[in-house]
């Protein structure tokens, strides 16, 4: 899959380390599947996120959306790279993909495991082709 955003190795390592550190704060008492995310914005800020589960399962939220919502709540709207870390390099859910699409199909997405191995290096568009976008409401 095509990538559009190039970042240097140092920044990539920083994003992976941020996602790794964020996993320590994941609240996953039911699935035991801790997820950490690190989102780089066009302004150069990094926002982290963790999954947060709830006994009423639909009430939880994924790490990817936490990172994006944190960024949006501080005025960010232009995202460059999102790194998602899980034990096994699991891919984002459909809800996360749709939220990612809201803010740009060209955002680079890297899915890595806890060893730092990249399983997927693509864009939001690569994860969600034919995404439903704001312009589709017109």
Protein backbone atom coordinates (compact mmCIF):
# COMPACT_ATOMS: atom_id res chain seq x y z
CA UNK A 1 0.00 0.00 0.00
CA UNK A 2 1.19 3.48 -0.83
CA UNK A 3 2.52 5.85 1.83
CA UNK A 4 2.52 9.61 1.37
CA UNK A 5 4.22 11.03 4.44
CA UNK A 6 7.91 10.51 4.96
CA UNK A 7 9.41 11.02 8.41
CA UNK A 8 12.98 10.51 9.50
CA UNK A 9 14.06 7.49 11.49
CA UNK A 10 14.48 9.50 14.68
CA UNK A 11 10.89 10.77 14.58
CA UNK A 12 9.59 7.30 13.76
CA UNK A 13 11.43 5.88 16.78
CA UNK A 14 10.00 8.66 18.95
CA UNK A 15 6.47 7.84 17.79
CA UNK A 16 6.96 4.12 18.38
CA UNK A 17 8.38 4.78 21.84
CA UNK A 18 5.47 7.13 22.65
CA UNK A 19 2.97 4.44 21.62
CA UNK A 20 4.91 1.83 23.63
CA UNK A 21 4.91 4.02 26.75
CA UNK A 22 1.23 4.87 26.33
CA UNK A 23 0.32 1.15 26.42
CA UNK A 24 1.32 1.16 30.09
CA UNK A 25 -1.76 3.28 30.81
CA UNK A 26 -4.24 1.19 28.80
CA UNK A 27 -7.28 0.07 30.76
CA UNK A 28 -8.06 -3.37 29.35
CA UNK A 29 -9.25 -5.57 32.24
CA UNK A 30 -11.61 -7.58 30.00
CA UNK A 31 -9.72 -8.25 26.78
CA UNK A 32 -6.21 -7.85 28.23
CA UNK A 33 -5.32 -6.38 24.80
CA UNK A 34 -3.45 -3.17 25.57
CA UNK A 35 -3.14 -0.69 22.73
CA UNK A 36 -1.04 2.47 22.58
CA UNK A 37 -1.16 5.11 19.87
CA UNK A 38 0.98 8.11 18.97
CA UNK A 39 -0.32 10.76 16.58
CA UNK A 40 1.97 13.32 14.92
CA UNK A 41 0.23 16.49 13.78
CA UNK A 42 1.33 18.87 11.05
CA UNK A 43 2.24 21.38 13.77
CA UNK A 44 4.79 18.87 15.12
CA UNK A 45 2.95 17.95 18.31
CA UNK A 46 2.56 14.33 19.37
CA UNK A 47 -0.62 13.11 21.06
CA UNK A 48 -0.78 9.70 22.70
CA UNK A 49 -3.77 7.49 23.36
CA UNK A 50 -4.71 4.21 25.01
CA UNK A 51 -7.68 1.90 24.80
CA UNK A 52 -10.12 2.20 27.67
CA UNK A 53 -12.56 -0.66 28.24
CA UNK A 54 -15.78 -0.69 30.19
CA UNK A 55 -17.93 -3.50 31.58
CA UNK A 56 -20.65 -2.22 29.25
CA UNK A 57 -18.53 -3.14 26.23
CA UNK A 58 -19.79 -0.57 23.72
CA UNK A 59 -18.87 2.19 26.16
CA UNK A 60 -15.11 1.69 25.70
CA UNK A 61 -12.87 3.56 23.26
CA UNK A 62 -9.81 2.66 21.22
CA UNK A 63 -6.35 4.19 21.56
CA UNK A 64 -6.42 5.61 18.05
CA UNK A 65 -9.57 7.63 18.71
CA UNK A 66 -8.30 8.79 22.11
CA UNK A 67 -5.15 10.22 20.48
CA UNK A 68 -7.14 11.87 17.70
CA UNK A 69 -9.79 13.28 20.04
CA UNK A 70 -7.08 14.68 22.33
CA UNK A 71 -5.53 16.44 19.35
CA UNK A 72 -8.88 17.75 18.08
CA UNK A 73 -9.79 18.99 21.57
CA UNK A 74 -6.67 21.16 21.44
CA UNK A 75 -7.45 22.60 18.02
CA UNK A 76 -5.46 20.23 15.80
CA UNK A 77 -7.09 19.12 12.56
CA UNK A 78 -4.16 18.21 10.29
CA UNK A 79 -2.60 14.84 11.07
CA UNK A 80 0.62 13.51 9.57
CA UNK A 81 1.39 10.07 11.03
CA UNK A 82 -0.40 7.70 13.39
CA UNK A 83 1.49 4.81 15.00
CA UNK A 84 -0.59 2.08 16.65
CA UNK A 85 1.12 -0.53 18.86
CA UNK A 86 -0.31 -3.83 20.02
CA UNK A 87 1.26 -7.12 21.10
CA UNK A 88 0.68 -8.65 17.69
CA UNK A 89 0.34 -5.73 15.26
CA UNK A 90 -3.47 -5.79 15.20
CA UNK A 91 -5.18 -3.43 12.78
CA UNK A 92 -7.53 -0.55 13.76
CA UNK A 93 -11.27 -1.24 14.02
CA UNK A 94 -13.82 0.19 11.61
CA UNK A 95 -14.86 2.99 13.97
CA UNK A 96 -11.26 4.17 14.27
CA UNK A 97 -10.80 4.01 10.51
CA UNK A 98 -13.88 6.17 10.00
CA UNK A 99 -12.65 8.77 12.52
CA UNK A 100 -9.24 8.79 10.82
CA UNK A 101 -10.95 9.38 7.45
CA UNK A 102 -12.76 12.43 8.85
CA UNK A 103 -9.41 14.22 9.15
CA UNK A 104 -7.66 13.10 5.99
CA UNK A 105 -7.15 10.08 3.83
CA UNK A 106 -3.45 10.81 3.30
CA UNK A 107 -2.45 10.44 6.98
CA UNK A 108 0.23 7.79 7.20
CA UNK A 109 -0.63 4.84 9.49
CA UNK A 110 1.91 2.42 10.88
CA UNK A 111 0.79 -0.66 12.78
CA UNK A 112 3.62 -2.07 14.91
CA UNK A 113 4.02 -4.78 17.50
CA UNK A 114 5.71 -4.46 20.90
CA UNK A 115 9.04 -5.48 19.35
CA UNK A 116 8.81 -2.46 17.06
CA UNK A 117 8.24 -4.56 13.94
CA UNK A 118 6.05 -2.78 11.40
CA UNK A 119 3.17 -4.99 10.22
CA UNK A 120 1.37 -2.37 8.13
CA UNK A 121 2.66 0.89 6.63
CA UNK A 122 -0.09 2.58 4.66
CA UNK A 123 -2.42 5.58 4.64
CA UNK A 124 -5.91 6.02 6.02
CA UNK A 125 -7.14 5.59 2.46
CA UNK A 126 -5.28 2.28 2.28
CA UNK A 127 -7.08 1.13 5.43
CA UNK A 128 -10.48 2.46 4.35
CA UNK A 129 -10.89 2.71 0.58
CA UNK A 130 -14.08 4.47 -0.52
CA UNK A 131 -14.44 6.08 2.91
CA UNK A 132 -17.57 8.04 3.72
CA UNK A 133 -16.35 11.65 3.92
CA UNK A 134 -17.88 15.00 4.90
CA UNK A 135 -18.31 15.93 1.23
CA UNK A 136 -20.55 12.87 0.82
CA UNK A 137 -23.18 14.67 2.95
CA UNK A 138 -23.72 17.32 0.27
